[in-house]
Amino acid sequence: MKIGELSERTGIPTRMLRYYEQQGLLASDRAANGYRSYDEADVERASRVRGLVQSGLSTRMTKVVLDIERQCESAAPPACSLSLAEELAAELDALEERLACLTKSRDAVARYLELTRHGDLIRRANAA
């Protein structure tokens, strides 16, 4: 599939997909005319990259996480230097803080909606 179709299927703008490729987060084959070509696996990978970046990870750390996930799928234990482990531990702390903040915000919004006459919107959203 071409970049436009990948964009439509993932909701990620083509400009962002090119950026992900430039950062080594996504790869494409090139046709003779120079057009990028993606396969089905790239739909999932692009969506995963976007989710990681939107969660607050830098593109560099996103690449590290994707590499870790790939390593964890193999039978061999993943290799990890002390400096990488320290960096990952710091990133884990930052993620925990963001999760706590998001949870607090979610709960505040839910409480507010429950107190209004529109509380049924919460139930509809949870049912979907």
N, C-alpha and C. Protein backbone atom coordinates (compact mmCIF):
# COMPACT_ATOMS: atom_id res chain seq x y z
N MET A 1 0.85 -1.17 0.00
CA MET A 1 0.00 0.00 0.00
C MET A 1 0.90 1.23 0.00
N LYS A 2 0.39 2.32 -0.56
CA LYS A 2 1.14 3.57 -0.60
C LYS A 2 0.91 4.34 0.70
N ILE A 3 1.69 5.38 0.87
CA ILE A 3 1.66 6.14 2.12
C ILE A 3 0.29 6.75 2.38
N GLY A 4 -0.42 7.16 1.33
CA GLY A 4 -1.75 7.74 1.51
C GLY A 4 -2.73 6.75 2.10
N GLU A 5 -2.65 5.50 1.65
CA GLU A 5 -3.54 4.47 2.20
C GLU A 5 -3.16 4.15 3.64
N LEU A 6 -1.87 4.08 3.93
CA LEU A 6 -1.44 3.85 5.31
C LEU A 6 -1.95 4.98 6.21
N SER A 7 -1.89 6.20 5.70
CA SER A 7 -2.39 7.35 6.43
C SER A 7 -3.89 7.21 6.71
N GLU A 8 -4.64 6.83 5.69
CA GLU A 8 -6.09 6.66 5.86
C GLU A 8 -6.41 5.56 6.86
N ARG A 9 -5.68 4.47 6.81
CA ARG A 9 -5.98 3.32 7.67
C ARG A 9 -5.58 3.56 9.12
N THR A 10 -4.60 4.42 9.35
CA THR A 10 -4.13 4.65 10.71
C THR A 10 -4.58 5.99 11.28
N GLY A 11 -5.00 6.90 10.42
CA GLY A 11 -5.35 8.24 10.87
C GLY A 11 -4.13 9.11 11.15
N ILE A 12 -2.98 8.65 10.72
CA ILE A 12 -1.73 9.39 10.92
C ILE A 12 -1.41 10.16 9.64
N PRO A 13 -1.19 11.46 9.75
CA PRO A 13 -0.88 12.24 8.54
C PRO A 13 0.37 11.72 7.83
N THR A 14 0.39 11.85 6.52
CA THR A 14 1.53 11.36 5.73
C THR A 14 2.83 12.03 6.17
N ARG A 15 2.75 13.28 6.52
CA ARG A 15 3.94 14.00 6.98
C ARG A 15 4.54 13.33 8.22
N MET A 16 3.66 12.90 9.13
CA MET A 16 4.12 12.24 10.36
C MET A 16 4.69 10.85 10.03
N LEU A 17 4.07 10.15 9.10
CA LEU A 17 4.60 8.84 8.70
C LEU A 17 5.99 8.98 8.11
N ARG A 18 6.22 10.01 7.31
CA ARG A 18 7.56 10.25 6.76
C ARG A 18 8.55 10.55 7.88
N TYR A 19 8.10 11.31 8.87
CA TYR A 19 8.96 11.63 10.01
C TYR A 19 9.31 10.34 10.78
N TYR A 20 8.32 9.48 11.01
CA TYR A 20 8.59 8.22 11.70
C TYR A 20 9.63 7.41 10.92
N GLU A 21 9.51 7.42 9.61
CA GLU A 21 10.48 6.68 8.79
C GLU A 21 11.86 7.31 8.91
N GLN A 22 11.92 8.64 8.89
CA GLN A 22 13.19 9.35 9.02
C GLN A 22 13.86 9.02 10.35
N GLN A 23 13.07 8.81 11.39
CA GLN A 23 13.59 8.51 12.72
C GLN A 23 13.90 7.02 12.91
N GLY A 24 13.66 6.21 11.90
CA GLY A 24 13.94 4.78 11.97
C GLY A 24 12.88 3.98 12.70
N LEU A 25 11.69 4.56 12.86
CA LEU A 25 10.60 3.89 13.58
C LEU A 25 9.70 3.08 12.64
N LEU A 26 9.77 3.38 11.39
CA LEU A 26 8.94 2.76 10.37
C LEU A 26 9.81 2.60 9.13
N ALA A 27 9.64 1.53 8.41
CA ALA A 27 10.42 1.31 7.20
C ALA A 27 9.48 1.02 6.04
N SER A 28 9.90 1.42 4.87
CA SER A 28 9.11 1.14 3.68
C SER A 28 10.01 0.60 2.59
N ASP A 29 9.41 -0.12 1.69
CA ASP A 29 10.11 -0.50 0.47
C ASP A 29 9.90 0.63 -0.51
N ARG A 30 10.78 0.76 -1.47
CA ARG A 30 10.62 1.79 -2.48
C ARG A 30 10.39 1.14 -3.83
N ALA A 31 9.36 1.61 -4.51
CA ALA A 31 9.08 1.15 -5.87
C ALA A 31 10.08 1.81 -6.81
N ALA A 32 10.12 1.33 -8.05
CA ALA A 32 11.05 1.88 -9.04
C ALA A 32 10.84 3.38 -9.23
N ASN A 33 9.60 3.83 -9.07
CA ASN A 33 9.29 5.26 -9.23
C ASN A 33 9.60 6.08 -7.96
N GLY A 34 10.10 5.42 -6.90
CA GLY A 34 10.46 6.11 -5.68
C GLY A 34 9.35 6.18 -4.64
N TYR A 35 8.16 5.70 -5.00
CA TYR A 35 7.04 5.73 -4.06
C TYR A 35 7.29 4.74 -2.93
N ARG A 36 6.87 5.14 -1.74
CA ARG A 36 6.97 4.25 -0.58
C ARG A 36 5.90 3.17 -0.69
N SER A 37 6.25 1.99 -0.22
CA SER A 37 5.30 0.88 -0.22
C SER A 37 5.32 0.22 1.16
N TYR A 38 4.14 0.04 1.72
CA TYR A 38 4.00 -0.54 3.06
C TYR A 38 3.17 -1.81 2.99
N ASP A 39 3.33 -2.67 4.00
CA ASP A 39 2.50 -3.88 4.06
C ASP A 39 1.58 -3.83 5.28
N GLU A 40 0.81 -4.87 5.47
CA GLU A 40 -0.18 -4.92 6.55
C GLU A 40 0.45 -4.74 7.92
N ALA A 41 1.62 -5.30 8.15
CA ALA A 41 2.28 -5.19 9.45
C ALA A 41 2.60 -3.73 9.78
N ASP A 42 2.79 -2.91 8.76
CA ASP A 42 3.11 -1.50 8.99
C ASP A 42 1.93 -0.72 9.54
N VAL A 43 0.72 -1.19 9.30
CA VAL A 43 -0.47 -0.54 9.87
C VAL A 43 -0.39 -0.62 11.40
N GLU A 44 -0.13 -1.80 11.90
CA GLU A 44 -0.01 -2.01 13.35
C GLU A 44 1.20 -1.27 13.92
N ARG A 45 2.32 -1.37 13.23
CA ARG A 45 3.55 -0.72 13.73
C ARG A 45 3.37 0.80 13.78
N ALA A 46 2.82 1.39 12.74
CA ALA A 46 2.63 2.84 12.72
C ALA A 46 1.70 3.27 13.85
N SER A 47 0.64 2.50 14.07
CA SER A 47 -0.28 2.82 15.16
C SER A 47 0.41 2.68 16.51
N ARG A 48 1.24 1.68 16.65
CA ARG A 48 1.99 1.48 17.90
C ARG A 48 2.95 2.64 18.14
N VAL A 49 3.65 3.06 17.08
CA VAL A 49 4.58 4.18 17.19
C VAL A 49 3.82 5.43 17.63
N ARG A 50 2.70 5.69 16.98
CA ARG A 50 1.92 6.88 17.32
C ARG A 50 1.48 6.84 18.78
N GLY A 51 1.01 5.68 19.24
CA GLY A 51 0.58 5.55 20.64
C GLY A 51 1.71 5.81 21.61
N LEU A 52 2.89 5.29 21.32
CA LEU A 52 4.03 5.51 22.20
C LEU A 52 4.44 6.98 22.23
N VAL A 53 4.46 7.61 21.07
CA VAL A 53 4.83 9.02 21.01
C VAL A 53 3.77 9.87 21.72
N GLN A 54 2.49 9.55 21.51
CA GLN A 54 1.43 10.30 22.17
C GLN A 54 1.44 10.09 23.68
N SER A 55 1.99 8.98 24.13
CA SER A 55 2.07 8.74 25.57
C SER A 55 3.16 9.57 26.23
N GLY A 56 3.95 10.25 25.41
CA GLY A 56 4.97 11.12 25.96
C GLY A 56 6.39 10.64 25.73
N LEU A 57 6.55 9.49 25.10
CA LEU A 57 7.91 9.01 24.83
C LEU A 57 8.53 9.81 23.69
N SER A 58 9.81 10.05 23.78
CA SER A 58 10.53 10.66 22.67
C SER A 58 10.63 9.62 21.55
N THR A 59 10.92 10.07 20.35
CA THR A 59 11.06 9.10 19.25
C THR A 59 12.25 8.18 19.51
N ARG A 60 13.29 8.69 20.15
CA ARG A 60 14.43 7.83 20.48
C ARG A 60 14.03 6.74 21.46
N MET A 61 13.27 7.11 22.49
CA MET A 61 12.84 6.12 23.47
C MET A 61 11.80 5.18 22.86
N THR A 62 10.99 5.68 21.95
CA THR A 62 10.02 4.83 21.25
C THR A 62 10.76 3.73 20.50
N LYS A 63 11.84 4.09 19.84
CA LYS A 63 12.64 3.08 19.12
C LYS A 63 13.18 2.04 20.10
N VAL A 64 13.64 2.49 21.25
CA VAL A 64 14.16 1.56 22.27
C VAL A 64 13.06 0.61 22.71
N VAL A 65 11.87 1.13 23.00
CA VAL A 65 10.76 0.29 23.46
C VAL A 65 10.37 -0.72 22.38
N LEU A 66 10.31 -0.29 21.13
CA LEU A 66 9.97 -1.21 20.04
C LEU A 66 11.02 -2.32 19.91
N ASP A 67 12.30 -1.94 20.07
CA ASP A 67 13.36 -2.95 20.03
C ASP A 67 13.24 -3.92 21.20
N ILE A 68 12.89 -3.41 22.38
CA ILE A 68 12.71 -4.26 23.55
C ILE A 68 11.56 -5.24 23.32
N GLU A 69 10.45 -4.73 22.79
CA GLU A 69 9.31 -5.62 22.52
C GLU A 69 9.69 -6.72 21.54
N ARG A 70 10.48 -6.37 20.52
CA ARG A 70 10.92 -7.37 19.54
C ARG A 70 11.81 -8.40 20.22
N GLN A 71 12.73 -7.94 21.07
CA GLN A 71 13.63 -8.85 21.79
C GLN A 71 12.86 -9.78 22.72
N CYS A 72 11.83 -9.25 23.36
CA CYS A 72 11.05 -10.06 24.31
C CYS A 72 10.27 -11.17 23.62
N GLU A 73 10.03 -11.02 22.33
CA GLU A 73 9.32 -12.06 21.58
C GLU A 73 10.22 -13.25 21.26
N SER A 74 11.54 -13.06 21.33
CA SER A 74 12.45 -14.17 21.04
C SER A 74 12.68 -14.98 22.31
N ALA A 75 13.23 -16.16 22.14
CA ALA A 75 13.45 -17.07 23.27
C ALA A 75 14.64 -16.63 24.12
N ALA A 76 15.59 -15.95 23.51
CA ALA A 76 16.79 -15.54 24.24
C ALA A 76 16.48 -14.34 25.14
N PRO A 77 17.10 -14.29 26.32
CA PRO A 77 16.88 -13.13 27.19
C PRO A 77 17.46 -11.87 26.54
N PRO A 78 16.76 -10.75 26.66
CA PRO A 78 17.26 -9.52 26.03
C PRO A 78 18.52 -9.00 26.72
N ALA A 79 19.38 -8.37 25.93
CA ALA A 79 20.58 -7.75 26.47
C ALA A 79 20.25 -6.32 26.88
N CYS A 80 20.83 -5.89 27.99
CA CYS A 80 20.54 -4.53 28.47
C CYS A 80 21.73 -4.04 29.28
N SER A 81 22.30 -2.93 28.83
CA SER A 81 23.42 -2.34 29.57
C SER A 81 22.88 -1.64 30.81
N LEU A 82 23.77 -1.36 31.75
CA LEU A 82 23.38 -0.65 32.97
C LEU A 82 22.86 0.74 32.63
N SER A 83 23.50 1.43 31.70
CA SER A 83 23.05 2.78 31.36
C SER A 83 21.66 2.75 30.73
N LEU A 84 21.39 1.77 29.89
CA LEU A 84 20.05 1.65 29.30
C LEU A 84 19.03 1.30 30.39
N ALA A 85 19.38 0.41 31.29
CA ALA A 85 18.48 0.04 32.38
C ALA A 85 18.15 1.26 33.24
N GLU A 86 19.14 2.09 33.52
CA GLU A 86 18.89 3.30 34.31
C GLU A 86 17.98 4.27 33.55
N GLU A 87 18.21 4.39 32.26
CA GLU A 87 17.38 5.26 31.44
C GLU A 87 15.94 4.75 31.39
N LEU A 88 15.79 3.45 31.25
CA LEU A 88 14.45 2.85 31.22
C LEU A 88 13.75 3.01 32.57
N ALA A 89 14.49 2.86 33.65
CA ALA A 89 13.90 3.04 34.98
C ALA A 89 13.40 4.47 35.16
N ALA A 90 14.17 5.44 34.69
CA ALA A 90 13.75 6.84 34.77
C ALA A 90 12.51 7.08 33.90
N GLU A 91 12.49 6.47 32.72
CA GLU A 91 11.33 6.61 31.83
C GLU A 91 10.10 5.96 32.46
N LEU A 92 10.29 4.82 33.12
CA LEU A 92 9.20 4.15 33.81
C LEU A 92 8.61 5.04 34.90
N ASP A 93 9.47 5.70 35.65
CA ASP A 93 8.99 6.64 36.68
C ASP A 93 8.17 7.76 36.05
N ALA A 94 8.65 8.30 34.94
CA ALA A 94 7.93 9.38 34.26
C ALA A 94 6.58 8.89 33.74
N LEU A 95 6.55 7.68 33.21
CA LEU A 95 5.28 7.11 32.74
C LEU A 95 4.30 6.91 33.88
N GLU A 96 4.80 6.45 35.02
CA GLU A 96 3.94 6.26 36.19
C GLU A 96 3.33 7.59 36.63
N GLU A 97 4.14 8.65 36.59
CA GLU A 97 3.63 9.97 36.96
C GLU A 97 2.56 10.44 35.98
N ARG A 98 2.79 10.23 34.68
CA ARG A 98 1.79 10.63 33.68
C ARG A 98 0.51 9.82 33.84
N LEU A 99 0.66 8.52 34.12
CA LEU A 99 -0.53 7.68 34.34
C LEU A 99 -1.33 8.15 35.54
N ALA A 100 -0.64 8.51 36.61
CA ALA A 100 -1.33 8.99 37.81
C ALA A 100 -2.08 10.28 37.50
N CYS A 101 -1.44 11.17 36.75
CA CYS A 101 -2.07 12.44 36.39
C CYS A 101 -3.28 12.19 35.48
N LEU A 102 -3.13 11.32 34.50
CA LEU A 102 -4.25 11.00 33.60
C LEU A 102 -5.40 10.35 34.35
N THR A 103 -5.09 9.46 35.27
CA THR A 103 -6.12 8.80 36.06
C THR A 103 -6.89 9.81 36.90
N LYS A 104 -6.16 10.73 37.52
CA LYS A 104 -6.80 11.77 38.33
C LYS A 104 -7.70 12.64 37.46
N SER A 105 -7.24 13.01 36.28
CA SER A 105 -8.04 13.83 35.37
C SER A 105 -9.27 13.07 34.89
N ARG A 106 -9.09 11.80 34.53
CA ARG A 106 -10.22 10.98 34.09
C ARG A 106 -11.27 10.89 35.19
N ASP A 107 -10.83 10.64 36.41
CA ASP A 107 -11.77 10.50 37.52
C ASP A 107 -12.52 11.81 37.79
N ALA A 108 -11.82 12.94 37.66
CA ALA A 108 -12.47 14.24 37.88
C ALA A 108 -13.53 14.50 36.82
N VAL A 109 -13.22 14.19 35.57
CA VAL A 109 -14.19 14.38 34.49
C VAL A 109 -15.39 13.46 34.69
N ALA A 110 -15.13 12.21 35.04
CA ALA A 110 -16.22 11.26 35.26
C ALA A 110 -17.11 11.70 36.42
N ARG A 111 -16.50 12.15 37.53
CA ARG A 111 -17.28 12.63 38.67
C ARG A 111 -18.16 13.82 38.28
N TYR A 112 -17.58 14.73 37.53
CA TYR A 112 -18.32 15.90 37.09
C TYR A 112 -19.52 15.48 36.25
N LEU A 113 -19.29 14.61 35.27
CA LEU A 113 -20.39 14.17 34.42
C LEU A 113 -21.47 13.44 35.23
N GLU A 114 -21.04 12.64 36.19
CA GLU A 114 -22.01 11.92 37.02
C GLU A 114 -22.91 12.88 37.80
N LEU A 115 -22.39 14.04 38.16
CA LEU A 115 -23.16 15.01 38.92
C LEU A 115 -24.11 15.84 38.03
N THR A 116 -23.91 15.77 36.75
CA THR A 116 -24.78 16.51 35.83
C THR A 116 -25.90 15.61 35.35
N ARG A 117 -26.79 16.19 34.58
CA ARG A 117 -27.87 15.39 34.01
C ARG A 117 -27.40 14.57 32.81
N HIS A 118 -26.09 14.60 32.53
CA HIS A 118 -25.54 13.87 31.38
C HIS A 118 -24.70 12.67 31.80
N GLY A 119 -24.90 12.20 32.99
CA GLY A 119 -24.14 11.06 33.51
C GLY A 119 -24.30 9.80 32.67
N ASP A 120 -25.40 9.70 31.94
CA ASP A 120 -25.60 8.52 31.09
C ASP A 120 -24.56 8.45 29.97
N LEU A 121 -23.92 9.57 29.66
CA LEU A 121 -22.88 9.55 28.63
C LEU A 121 -21.69 8.68 29.06
N ILE A 122 -21.43 8.62 30.35
CA ILE A 122 -20.34 7.78 30.85
C ILE A 122 -20.68 6.32 30.60
N ARG A 123 -21.89 5.94 30.91
CA ARG A 123 -22.30 4.56 30.73
C ARG A 123 -22.26 4.17 29.24
N ARG A 124 -22.68 5.08 28.37
CA ARG A 124 -22.65 4.80 26.93
C ARG A 124 -21.21 4.66 26.45
N ALA A 125 -20.33 5.52 26.94
CA ALA A 125 -18.92 5.45 26.52
C ALA A 125 -18.28 4.15 27.00
N ASN A 126 -18.62 3.72 28.22
CA ASN A 126 -18.05 2.48 28.74
C ASN A 126 -18.62 1.25 28.05
N ALA A 127 -19.83 1.34 27.52
CA ALA A 127 -20.46 0.21 26.84
C ALA A 127 -19.87 0.00 25.45
N ALA A 128 -19.33 1.06 24.88
CA ALA A 128 -18.81 0.99 23.49
C ALA A 128 -17.52 0.26 23.39
